[in-house]
All heavy atoms as atom14 arrays in JSON, in Angstrom:
{
  "sequence": "PDRMVEVTGPDELERILTADIARWRVFLHPAQRRYAYHPGFFGPAQV",
  "atom14_mask": [
    [1, 1, 1, 1, 1, 1, 1, 0, 0, 0, 0, 0, 0, 0],
    [1, 1, 1, 1, 1, 1, 1, 1, 0, 0, 0, 0, 0, 0],
    [1, 1, 1, 1, 1, 1, 1, 1, 1, 1, 1, 0, 0, 0],
    [1, 1, 1, 1, 1, 1, 1, 1, 0, 0, 0, 0, 0, 0],
    [1, 1, 1, 1, 1, 1, 1, 0, 0, 0, 0, 0, 0, 0],
    [1, 1, 1, 1, 1, 1, 1, 1, 1, 0, 0, 0, 0, 0],
    [1, 1, 1, 1, 1, 1, 1, 0, 0, 0, 0, 0, 0, 0],
    [1, 1, 1, 1, 1, 1, 1, 0, 0, 0, 0, 0, 0, 0],
    [1, 1, 1, 1, 0, 0, 0, 0, 0, 0, 0, 0, 0, 0],
    [1, 1, 1, 1, 1, 1, 1, 0, 0, 0, 0, 0, 0, 0],
    [1, 1, 1, 1, 1, 1, 1, 1, 0, 0, 0, 0, 0, 0],
    [1, 1, 1, 1, 1, 1, 1, 1, 1, 0, 0, 0, 0, 0],
    [1, 1, 1, 1, 1, 1, 1, 1, 0, 0, 0, 0, 0, 0],
    [1, 1, 1, 1, 1, 1, 1, 1, 1, 0, 0, 0, 0, 0],
    [1, 1, 1, 1, 1, 1, 1, 1, 1, 1, 1, 0, 0, 0],
    [1, 1, 1, 1, 1, 1, 1, 1, 0, 0, 0, 0, 0, 0],
    [1, 1, 1, 1, 1, 1, 1, 1, 0, 0, 0, 0, 0, 0],
    [1, 1, 1, 1, 1, 1, 1, 0, 0, 0, 0, 0, 0, 0],
    [1, 1, 1, 1, 1, 0, 0, 0, 0, 0, 0, 0, 0, 0],
    [1, 1, 1, 1, 1, 1, 1, 1, 0, 0, 0, 0, 0, 0],
    [1, 1, 1, 1, 1, 1, 1, 1, 0, 0, 0, 0, 0, 0],
    [1, 1, 1, 1, 1, 0, 0, 0, 0, 0, 0, 0, 0, 0],
    [1, 1, 1, 1, 1, 1, 1, 1, 1, 1, 1, 0, 0, 0],
    [1, 1, 1, 1, 1, 1, 1, 1, 1, 1, 1, 1, 1, 1],
    [1, 1, 1, 1, 1, 1, 1, 1, 1, 1, 1, 0, 0, 0],
    [1, 1, 1, 1, 1, 1, 1, 0, 0, 0, 0, 0, 0, 0],
    [1, 1, 1, 1, 1, 1, 1, 1, 1, 1, 1, 0, 0, 0],
    [1, 1, 1, 1, 1, 1, 1, 1, 0, 0, 0, 0, 0, 0],
    [1, 1, 1, 1, 1, 1, 1, 1, 1, 1, 0, 0, 0, 0],
    [1, 1, 1, 1, 1, 1, 1, 0, 0, 0, 0, 0, 0, 0],
    [1, 1, 1, 1, 1, 0, 0, 0, 0, 0, 0, 0, 0, 0],
    [1, 1, 1, 1, 1, 1, 1, 1, 1, 0, 0, 0, 0, 0],
    [1, 1, 1, 1, 1, 1, 1, 1, 1, 1, 1, 0, 0, 0],
    [1, 1, 1, 1, 1, 1, 1, 1, 1, 1, 1, 0, 0, 0],
    [1, 1, 1, 1, 1, 1, 1, 1, 1, 1, 1, 1, 0, 0],
    [1, 1, 1, 1, 1, 0, 0, 0, 0, 0, 0, 0, 0, 0],
    [1, 1, 1, 1, 1, 1, 1, 1, 1, 1, 1, 1, 0, 0],
    [1, 1, 1, 1, 1, 1, 1, 1, 1, 1, 0, 0, 0, 0],
    [1, 1, 1, 1, 1, 1, 1, 0, 0, 0, 0, 0, 0, 0],
    [1, 1, 1, 1, 0, 0, 0, 0, 0, 0, 0, 0, 0, 0],
    [1, 1, 1, 1, 1, 1, 1, 1, 1, 1, 1, 0, 0, 0],
    [1, 1, 1, 1, 1, 1, 1, 1, 1, 1, 1, 0, 0, 0],
    [1, 1, 1, 1, 0, 0, 0, 0, 0, 0, 0, 0, 0, 0],
    [1, 1, 1, 1, 1, 1, 1, 0, 0, 0, 0, 0, 0, 0],
    [1, 1, 1, 1, 1, 0, 0, 0, 0, 0, 0, 0, 0, 0],
    [1, 1, 1, 1, 1, 1, 1, 1, 1, 0, 0, 0, 0, 0],
    [1, 1, 1, 1, 1, 1, 1, 0, 0, 0, 0, 0, 0, 0]
  ],
  "atom14_positions": [
    [[-1.63, 0.51, 14.94], [-1.07, -0.26, 14.06], [-1.59, -1.72, 13.81], [-1.4, -2.38, 12.91], [0.44, -0.35, 14.56], [0.24, -0.21, 16.1], [-0.85, 0.77, 16.18], [0.0, 0.0, 0.0], [0.0, 0.0, 0.0], [0.0, 0.0, 0.0], [0.0, 0.0, 0.0], [0.0, 0.0, 0.0], [0.0, 0.0, 0.0], [0.0, 0.0, 0.0]],
    [[-2.38, -2.22, 14.88], [-2.97, -3.43, 14.87], [-4.21, -3.52, 13.82], [-4.6, -4.51, 13.43], [-3.4, -4.05, 16.16], [-4.31, -3.09, 16.87], [-4.45, -1.83, 16.6], [-5.13, -3.49, 17.57], [0.0, 0.0, 0.0], [0.0, 0.0, 0.0], [0.0, 0.0, 0.0], [0.0, 0.0, 0.0], [0.0, 0.0, 0.0], [0.0, 0.0, 0.0]],
    [[-4.66, -2.4, 13.49], [-5.9, -2.33, 12.51], [-5.61, -1.42, 11.36], [-6.47, -1.35, 10.47], [-7.14, -1.76, 13.34], [-7.49, -2.57, 14.58], [-8.5, -2.05, 15.36], [-8.28, -2.11, 16.85], [-8.86, -1.41, 17.69], [-9.78, -0.53, 17.51], [-8.38, -1.59, 19.04], [0.0, 0.0, 0.0], [0.0, 0.0, 0.0], [0.0, 0.0, 0.0]],
    [[-4.48, -0.79, 11.28], [-4.19, 0.24, 10.19], [-2.68, -0.04, 9.68], [-1.92, -0.34, 10.46], [-4.28, 1.66, 10.61], [-5.63, 1.99, 11.36], [-6.9, 2.25, 10.13], [-8.32, 2.41, 11.33], [0.0, 0.0, 0.0], [0.0, 0.0, 0.0], [0.0, 0.0, 0.0], [0.0, 0.0, 0.0], [0.0, 0.0, 0.0], [0.0, 0.0, 0.0]],
    [[-2.55, 0.11, 8.46], [-1.2, 0.01, 7.8], [-1.16, 1.0, 6.68], [-2.09, 1.14, 5.92], [-0.91, -1.39, 7.29], [-2.02, -1.75, 6.12], [0.44, -1.37, 6.61], [0.0, 0.0, 0.0], [0.0, 0.0, 0.0], [0.0, 0.0, 0.0], [0.0, 0.0, 0.0], [0.0, 0.0, 0.0], [0.0, 0.0, 0.0], [0.0, 0.0, 0.0]],
    [[-0.1, 1.84, 6.82], [0.06, 2.92, 5.86], [0.82, 2.34, 4.58], [1.65, 1.47, 4.61], [0.95, 4.0, 6.3], [1.15, 5.25, 5.4], [1.86, 6.4, 5.93], [2.35, 6.29, 7.05], [1.91, 7.44, 5.17], [0.0, 0.0, 0.0], [0.0, 0.0, 0.0], [0.0, 0.0, 0.0], [0.0, 0.0, 0.0], [0.0, 0.0, 0.0]],
    [[0.2, 2.7, 3.32], [0.76, 2.29, 2.11], [2.13, 3.07, 1.82], [2.0, 4.39, 1.58], [-0.16, 2.65, 0.88], [0.48, 2.05, -0.41], [-1.5, 1.73, 1.09], [0.0, 0.0, 0.0], [0.0, 0.0, 0.0], [0.0, 0.0, 0.0], [0.0, 0.0, 0.0], [0.0, 0.0, 0.0], [0.0, 0.0, 0.0], [0.0, 0.0, 0.0]],
    [[3.19, 2.38, 1.92], [4.46, 3.16, 1.83], [5.16, 3.05, 0.46], [6.21, 3.59, 0.28], [5.36, 2.57, 2.83], [5.56, 1.1, 2.64], [4.84, 2.7, 4.29], [0.0, 0.0, 0.0], [0.0, 0.0, 0.0], [0.0, 0.0, 0.0], [0.0, 0.0, 0.0], [0.0, 0.0, 0.0], [0.0, 0.0, 0.0], [0.0, 0.0, 0.0]],
    [[4.51, 2.2, -0.43], [5.26, 2.12, -1.76], [4.16, 1.53, -2.78], [3.12, 1.08, -2.42], [0.0, 0.0, 0.0], [0.0, 0.0, 0.0], [0.0, 0.0, 0.0], [0.0, 0.0, 0.0], [0.0, 0.0, 0.0], [0.0, 0.0, 0.0], [0.0, 0.0, 0.0], [0.0, 0.0, 0.0], [0.0, 0.0, 0.0], [0.0, 0.0, 0.0]],
    [[4.48, 1.57, -4.07], [3.55, 1.18, -5.03], [3.28, -0.36, -5.02], [2.3, -0.76, -5.55], [4.33, 1.49, -6.36], [5.76, 1.57, -5.94], [5.77, 2.04, -4.65], [0.0, 0.0, 0.0], [0.0, 0.0, 0.0], [0.0, 0.0, 0.0], [0.0, 0.0, 0.0], [0.0, 0.0, 0.0], [0.0, 0.0, 0.0], [0.0, 0.0, 0.0]],
    [[4.16, -1.15, -4.3], [3.92, -2.63, -4.26], [3.19, -3.09, -3.0], [3.01, -4.3, -2.76], [5.22, -3.37, -4.44], [5.94, -3.1, -5.74], [5.24, -2.84, -6.83], [7.11, -3.0, -5.79], [0.0, 0.0, 0.0], [0.0, 0.0, 0.0], [0.0, 0.0, 0.0], [0.0, 0.0, 0.0], [0.0, 0.0, 0.0], [0.0, 0.0, 0.0]],
    [[2.79, -2.02, -2.22], [2.27, -2.51, -0.86], [1.01, -3.29, -0.94], [0.88, -4.16, -0.3], [1.95, -1.19, -0.13], [1.4, -1.38, 1.39], [2.59, -1.75, 2.34], [3.81, -1.64, 1.88], [2.3, -2.03, 3.49], [0.0, 0.0, 0.0], [0.0, 0.0, 0.0], [0.0, 0.0, 0.0], [0.0, 0.0, 0.0], [0.0, 0.0, 0.0]],
    [[0.09, -2.84, -1.8], [-1.07, -3.63, -1.87], [-0.94, -5.07, -2.43], [-1.47, -5.99, -2.05], [-2.13, -2.85, -2.86], [-3.56, -3.27, -2.78], [-4.11, -2.98, -1.29], [-4.37, -2.38, -3.69], [0.0, 0.0, 0.0], [0.0, 0.0, 0.0], [0.0, 0.0, 0.0], [0.0, 0.0, 0.0], [0.0, 0.0, 0.0], [0.0, 0.0, 0.0]],
    [[-0.16, -5.22, -3.43], [0.25, -6.47, -3.99], [0.93, -7.34, -2.96], [0.6, -8.6, -2.88], [1.2, -6.38, -5.17], [1.38, -7.69, -5.96], [-0.1, -8.27, -6.55], [-0.93, -7.5, -6.83], [-0.13, -9.51, -6.6], [0.0, 0.0, 0.0], [0.0, 0.0, 0.0], [0.0, 0.0, 0.0], [0.0, 0.0, 0.0], [0.0, 0.0, 0.0]],
    [[1.81, -6.75, -2.11], [2.21, -7.61, -0.98], [1.19, -8.07, -0.08], [1.28, -9.33, 0.5], [3.32, -6.65, -0.25], [3.88, -7.33, 1.04], [4.87, -6.45, 1.84], [4.03, -5.47, 2.49], [3.36, -5.68, 3.58], [3.36, -6.69, 4.14], [2.61, -4.52, 3.97], [0.0, 0.0, 0.0], [0.0, 0.0, 0.0], [0.0, 0.0, 0.0]],
    [[0.25, -7.33, 0.26], [-0.92, -7.74, 1.14], [-1.68, -8.96, 0.41], [-1.99, -9.86, 1.17], [-1.82, -6.52, 1.52], [-1.03, -5.55, 2.47], [-3.12, -7.0, 2.02], [-1.8, -4.31, 2.68], [0.0, 0.0, 0.0], [0.0, 0.0, 0.0], [0.0, 0.0, 0.0], [0.0, 0.0, 0.0], [0.0, 0.0, 0.0], [0.0, 0.0, 0.0]],
    [[-1.84, -8.83, -0.77], [-2.62, -9.83, -1.5], [-1.91, -11.11, -1.78], [-2.43, -12.08, -2.1], [-3.15, -9.26, -2.86], [-4.25, -8.11, -2.63], [-4.56, -7.59, -4.04], [-5.51, -8.71, -2.09], [0.0, 0.0, 0.0], [0.0, 0.0, 0.0], [0.0, 0.0, 0.0], [0.0, 0.0, 0.0], [0.0, 0.0, 0.0], [0.0, 0.0, 0.0]],
    [[-0.53, -11.05, -1.59], [0.3, -12.27, -1.94], [1.03, -12.81, -0.62], [0.37, -13.55, 0.14], [1.15, -12.06, -3.03], [2.03, -10.88, -2.67], [0.44, -11.77, -4.27], [0.0, 0.0, 0.0], [0.0, 0.0, 0.0], [0.0, 0.0, 0.0], [0.0, 0.0, 0.0], [0.0, 0.0, 0.0], [0.0, 0.0, 0.0], [0.0, 0.0, 0.0]],
    [[2.08, -12.26, -0.38], [2.89, -12.71, 0.77], [2.26, -12.63, 2.06], [2.48, -13.41, 3.01], [4.33, -12.09, 0.76], [0.0, 0.0, 0.0], [0.0, 0.0, 0.0], [0.0, 0.0, 0.0], [0.0, 0.0, 0.0], [0.0, 0.0, 0.0], [0.0, 0.0, 0.0], [0.0, 0.0, 0.0], [0.0, 0.0, 0.0], [0.0, 0.0, 0.0]],
    [[1.44, -11.51, 2.3], [0.9, -11.29, 3.53], [-0.46, -11.69, 3.75], [-1.05, -11.44, 4.83], [1.01, -9.79, 3.81], [2.06, -9.51, 4.89], [2.94, -10.26, 5.06], [2.01, -8.28, 5.43], [0.0, 0.0, 0.0], [0.0, 0.0, 0.0], [0.0, 0.0, 0.0], [0.0, 0.0, 0.0], [0.0, 0.0, 0.0], [0.0, 0.0, 0.0]],
    [[-1.14, -12.25, 2.62], [-2.44, -12.63, 2.75], [-2.76, -13.67, 4.01], [-3.71, -13.6, 4.74], [-3.18, -13.29, 1.5], [-4.63, -13.5, 1.58], [-2.41, -14.6, 1.19], [-5.13, -13.82, 0.28], [0.0, 0.0, 0.0], [0.0, 0.0, 0.0], [0.0, 0.0, 0.0], [0.0, 0.0, 0.0], [0.0, 0.0, 0.0], [0.0, 0.0, 0.0]],
    [[-1.85, -14.67, 4.22], [-1.98, -15.5, 5.29], [-1.91, -14.8, 6.62], [-2.62, -15.19, 7.54], [-0.89, -16.57, 5.28], [0.0, 0.0, 0.0], [0.0, 0.0, 0.0], [0.0, 0.0, 0.0], [0.0, 0.0, 0.0], [0.0, 0.0, 0.0], [0.0, 0.0, 0.0], [0.0, 0.0, 0.0], [0.0, 0.0, 0.0], [0.0, 0.0, 0.0]],
    [[-0.98, -13.85, 6.81], [-0.97, -13.04, 8.04], [-2.34, -12.33, 8.33], [-2.65, -12.29, 9.49], [0.27, -11.97, 7.85], [0.43, -11.32, 9.33], [1.74, -10.53, 9.14], [2.93, -11.21, 8.9], [3.59, -11.99, 9.77], [3.23, -11.98, 10.99], [4.66, -12.76, 9.45], [0.0, 0.0, 0.0], [0.0, 0.0, 0.0], [0.0, 0.0, 0.0]],
    [[-3.03, -11.81, 7.37], [-4.24, -11.24, 7.59], [-5.34, -12.28, 8.13], [-6.23, -12.02, 8.79], [-4.81, -10.45, 6.37], [-4.08, -9.25, 6.23], [-3.01, -9.0, 5.34], [-4.3, -7.91, 6.88], [-2.64, -7.64, 5.42], [-3.42, -7.0, 6.33], [-5.31, -7.58, 7.8], [-3.34, -5.73, 6.81], [-5.27, -6.18, 8.28], [-4.36, -5.3, 7.77]],
    [[-5.11, -13.48, 7.65], [-5.98, -14.54, 8.04], [-5.83, -14.92, 9.53], [-6.69, -15.73, 10.08], [-5.89, -15.75, 7.18], [-6.46, -15.58, 5.78], [-6.29, -16.77, 4.87], [-7.06, -16.45, 3.64], [-6.89, -17.29, 2.57], [-5.97, -18.27, 2.57], [-7.54, -16.93, 1.45], [0.0, 0.0, 0.0], [0.0, 0.0, 0.0], [0.0, 0.0, 0.0]],
    [[-4.8, -14.59, 10.15], [-4.56, -14.8, 11.55], [-4.87, -13.42, 12.2], [-4.45, -13.33, 13.52], [-3.21, -15.47, 12.04], [-3.24, -16.89, 11.4], [-2.09, -14.63, 11.52], [0.0, 0.0, 0.0], [0.0, 0.0, 0.0], [0.0, 0.0, 0.0], [0.0, 0.0, 0.0], [0.0, 0.0, 0.0], [0.0, 0.0, 0.0], [0.0, 0.0, 0.0]],
    [[-5.3, -12.45, 11.58], [-5.58, -11.15, 12.22], [-6.63, -11.27, 13.32], [-7.7, -11.9, 12.97], [-5.96, -10.09, 11.18], [-6.4, -8.86, 11.74], [-5.57, -7.91, 12.17], [-7.72, -8.43, 11.91], [-5.86, -6.7, 12.85], [-8.27, -7.41, 12.42], [-7.2, -6.37, 12.88], [0.0, 0.0, 0.0], [0.0, 0.0, 0.0], [0.0, 0.0, 0.0]],
    [[-6.44, -10.76, 14.53], [-7.47, -10.86, 15.47], [-8.26, -9.58, 15.53], [-7.79, -8.49, 15.75], [-6.7, -11.01, 16.85], [-7.63, -11.28, 17.99], [-8.21, -12.72, 17.94], [-6.79, -11.21, 19.33], [0.0, 0.0, 0.0], [0.0, 0.0, 0.0], [0.0, 0.0, 0.0], [0.0, 0.0, 0.0], [0.0, 0.0, 0.0], [0.0, 0.0, 0.0]],
    [[-9.64, -9.65, 15.41], [-10.54, -8.57, 15.39], [-10.55, -8.07, 16.81], [-10.55, -8.91, 17.76], [-11.89, -9.11, 14.96], [-12.8, -7.89, 14.65], [-13.5, -7.33, 15.67], [-13.24, -7.24, 13.56], [-14.3, -6.3, 15.09], [-14.04, -6.28, 13.83], [0.0, 0.0, 0.0], [0.0, 0.0, 0.0], [0.0, 0.0, 0.0], [0.0, 0.0, 0.0]],
    [[-10.72, -6.73, 16.99], [-10.76, -6.18, 18.38], [-11.81, -6.82, 19.21], [-11.46, -6.97, 20.43], [-10.94, -4.72, 18.05], [-10.41, -4.55, 16.75], [-10.67, -5.67, 15.97], [0.0, 0.0, 0.0], [0.0, 0.0, 0.0], [0.0, 0.0, 0.0], [0.0, 0.0, 0.0], [0.0, 0.0, 0.0], [0.0, 0.0, 0.0], [0.0, 0.0, 0.0]],
    [[-12.9, -7.24, 18.67], [-14.04, -7.84, 19.51], [-13.62, -9.2, 20.15], [-14.22, -9.62, 21.03], [-15.28, -7.84, 18.66], [0.0, 0.0, 0.0], [0.0, 0.0, 0.0], [0.0, 0.0, 0.0], [0.0, 0.0, 0.0], [0.0, 0.0, 0.0], [0.0, 0.0, 0.0], [0.0, 0.0, 0.0], [0.0, 0.0, 0.0], [0.0, 0.0, 0.0]],
    [[-12.58, -9.87, 19.41], [-12.12, -11.01, 19.94], [-11.02, -11.03, 20.97], [-10.61, -11.92, 21.57], [-11.67, -12.0, 18.68], [-12.74, -12.07, 17.72], [-12.17, -12.61, 16.38], [-11.05, -12.34, 16.0], [-12.92, -13.2, 15.43], [0.0, 0.0, 0.0], [0.0, 0.0, 0.0], [0.0, 0.0, 0.0], [0.0, 0.0, 0.0], [0.0, 0.0, 0.0]],
    [[-10.22, -9.83, 20.87], [-9.06, -9.63, 21.66], [-9.25, -9.95, 23.03], [-8.41, -10.51, 23.74], [-8.41, -8.25, 21.41], [-7.06, -8.08, 21.89], [-6.49, -6.7, 21.54], [-5.17, -6.65, 22.06], [-4.14, -7.11, 21.5], [-4.25, -7.65, 20.32], [-2.85, -6.89, 22.06], [0.0, 0.0, 0.0], [0.0, 0.0, 0.0], [0.0, 0.0, 0.0]],
    [[-10.3, -9.62, 23.61], [-10.55, -9.68, 25.16], [-10.58, -11.05, 25.53], [-10.28, -11.39, 26.85], [-11.81, -8.95, 25.51], [-13.08, -9.57, 24.97], [-14.32, -8.66, 25.43], [-15.59, -9.21, 24.8], [-15.93, -8.86, 23.54], [-15.19, -8.1, 22.7], [-17.08, -9.32, 23.04], [0.0, 0.0, 0.0], [0.0, 0.0, 0.0], [0.0, 0.0, 0.0]],
    [[-10.89, -12.04, 24.65], [-10.79, -13.54, 25.01], [-9.38, -13.99, 24.87], [-8.91, -14.76, 25.73], [-11.75, -14.22, 24.2], [-13.24, -13.72, 24.15], [-13.91, -13.28, 22.94], [-13.91, -13.48, 25.25], [-15.1, -12.82, 22.91], [-15.15, -12.96, 25.27], [-15.87, -12.69, 24.05], [-17.04, -12.14, 24.04], [0.0, 0.0, 0.0], [0.0, 0.0, 0.0]],
    [[-8.87, -13.64, 23.71], [-7.44, -14.21, 23.47], [-6.51, -13.72, 24.57], [-5.33, -14.42, 24.88], [-7.1, -13.79, 21.99], [0.0, 0.0, 0.0], [0.0, 0.0, 0.0], [0.0, 0.0, 0.0], [0.0, 0.0, 0.0], [0.0, 0.0, 0.0], [0.0, 0.0, 0.0], [0.0, 0.0, 0.0], [0.0, 0.0, 0.0], [0.0, 0.0, 0.0]],
    [[-6.52, -12.34, 24.71], [-5.54, -11.77, 25.58], [-6.12, -11.49, 27.09], [-5.55, -10.51, 27.72], [-4.91, -10.57, 24.91], [-4.11, -10.95, 23.72], [-4.71, -10.92, 22.44], [-2.81, -11.33, 23.9], [-3.98, -11.39, 21.37], [-2.06, -11.76, 22.92], [-2.65, -11.69, 21.55], [-1.9, -12.2, 20.59], [0.0, 0.0, 0.0], [0.0, 0.0, 0.0]],
    [[-7.14, -12.14, 27.53], [-7.48, -12.04, 28.91], [-6.26, -12.27, 29.79], [-5.59, -13.21, 29.61], [-8.63, -13.08, 29.15], [-9.37, -12.82, 30.43], [-8.82, -13.12, 31.65], [-10.57, -12.22, 30.78], [-9.61, -12.81, 32.57], [-10.81, -12.36, 32.06], [0.0, 0.0, 0.0], [0.0, 0.0, 0.0], [0.0, 0.0, 0.0], [0.0, 0.0, 0.0]],
    [[-6.2, -11.44, 30.84], [-4.85, -11.59, 31.67], [-4.85, -12.99, 32.41], [-3.77, -13.39, 32.72], [-5.1, -10.49, 32.63], [-6.45, -10.1, 32.66], [-6.93, -10.3, 31.19], [0.0, 0.0, 0.0], [0.0, 0.0, 0.0], [0.0, 0.0, 0.0], [0.0, 0.0, 0.0], [0.0, 0.0, 0.0], [0.0, 0.0, 0.0], [0.0, 0.0, 0.0]],
    [[-5.93, -13.57, 32.7], [-5.89, -14.84, 33.39], [-7.3, -15.38, 33.81], [-8.07, -14.61, 34.49], [0.0, 0.0, 0.0], [0.0, 0.0, 0.0], [0.0, 0.0, 0.0], [0.0, 0.0, 0.0], [0.0, 0.0, 0.0], [0.0, 0.0, 0.0], [0.0, 0.0, 0.0], [0.0, 0.0, 0.0], [0.0, 0.0, 0.0], [0.0, 0.0, 0.0]],
    [[-7.68, -16.49, 33.34], [-8.88, -17.1, 33.87], [-8.57, -17.95, 35.05], [-7.67, -18.75, 35.06], [-9.63, -18.0, 32.69], [-9.97, -17.21, 31.52], [-9.21, -17.15, 30.31], [-11.2, -16.52, 31.54], [-9.64, -16.45, 29.25], [-11.65, -15.78, 30.38], [-10.77, -15.84, 29.2], [0.0, 0.0, 0.0], [0.0, 0.0, 0.0], [0.0, 0.0, 0.0]],
    [[-9.56, -17.93, 35.93], [-9.4, -18.76, 37.22], [-9.92, -20.16, 36.89], [-10.8, -20.65, 37.83], [-10.1, -18.08, 38.41], [-9.4, -16.67, 38.72], [-10.26, -15.48, 38.46], [-8.19, -16.61, 39.26], [-9.66, -14.23, 38.74], [-7.67, -15.36, 39.48], [-8.4, -14.23, 39.23], [0.0, 0.0, 0.0], [0.0, 0.0, 0.0], [0.0, 0.0, 0.0]],
    [[-9.4, -20.8, 35.98], [-9.89, -22.11, 35.68], [-10.19, -22.27, 34.19], [-9.81, -21.43, 33.5], [0.0, 0.0, 0.0], [0.0, 0.0, 0.0], [0.0, 0.0, 0.0], [0.0, 0.0, 0.0], [0.0, 0.0, 0.0], [0.0, 0.0, 0.0], [0.0, 0.0, 0.0], [0.0, 0.0, 0.0], [0.0, 0.0, 0.0], [0.0, 0.0, 0.0]],
    [[-10.76, -23.45, 33.78], [-11.01, -23.59, 32.34], [-11.98, -22.48, 31.83], [-12.84, -22.08, 32.46], [-11.74, -24.96, 32.23], [-11.45, -25.67, 33.59], [-11.24, -24.53, 34.56], [0.0, 0.0, 0.0], [0.0, 0.0, 0.0], [0.0, 0.0, 0.0], [0.0, 0.0, 0.0], [0.0, 0.0, 0.0], [0.0, 0.0, 0.0], [0.0, 0.0, 0.0]],
    [[-11.77, -22.07, 30.56], [-12.52, -21.03, 29.84], [-12.96, -21.56, 28.51], [-12.33, -22.43, 28.01], [-11.77, -19.74, 29.76], [0.0, 0.0, 0.0], [0.0, 0.0, 0.0], [0.0, 0.0, 0.0], [0.0, 0.0, 0.0], [0.0, 0.0, 0.0], [0.0, 0.0, 0.0], [0.0, 0.0, 0.0], [0.0, 0.0, 0.0], [0.0, 0.0, 0.0]],
    [[-14.05, -21.02, 27.98], [-14.52, -21.51, 26.76], [-15.16, -20.52, 25.86], [-15.74, -19.5, 26.37], [-15.76, -22.53, 27.08], [-16.68, -22.91, 26.02], [-17.77, -23.81, 26.4], [-17.62, -24.97, 26.58], [-18.98, -23.3, 26.6], [0.0, 0.0, 0.0], [0.0, 0.0, 0.0], [0.0, 0.0, 0.0], [0.0, 0.0, 0.0], [0.0, 0.0, 0.0]],
    [[-14.81, -20.46, 24.65], [-15.42, -19.47, 23.63], [-16.1, -20.3, 22.51], [-15.47, -21.32, 21.91], [-14.33, -18.65, 23.08], [-14.84, -17.74, 21.78], [-13.65, -17.78, 24.12], [0.0, 0.0, 0.0], [0.0, 0.0, 0.0], [0.0, 0.0, 0.0], [0.0, 0.0, 0.0], [0.0, 0.0, 0.0], [0.0, 0.0, 0.0], [0.0, 0.0, 0.0]]
  ]
}
C-alpha cells in the first residue's frame, strides 16, 4: 500500500492530481526509507 493504490472509482485519478498531489510530494521512496526509519543511530547522523 505504500507504493500502490487501487483505482476504486471514476474520480480517483483527479483526486490524486488535485487534493492528494501534496501527499505524493511527501511520499518516501523505498530507497530513502532505511534512513528515515532507521531504528536508532548511536549519535548524530547525516544524509
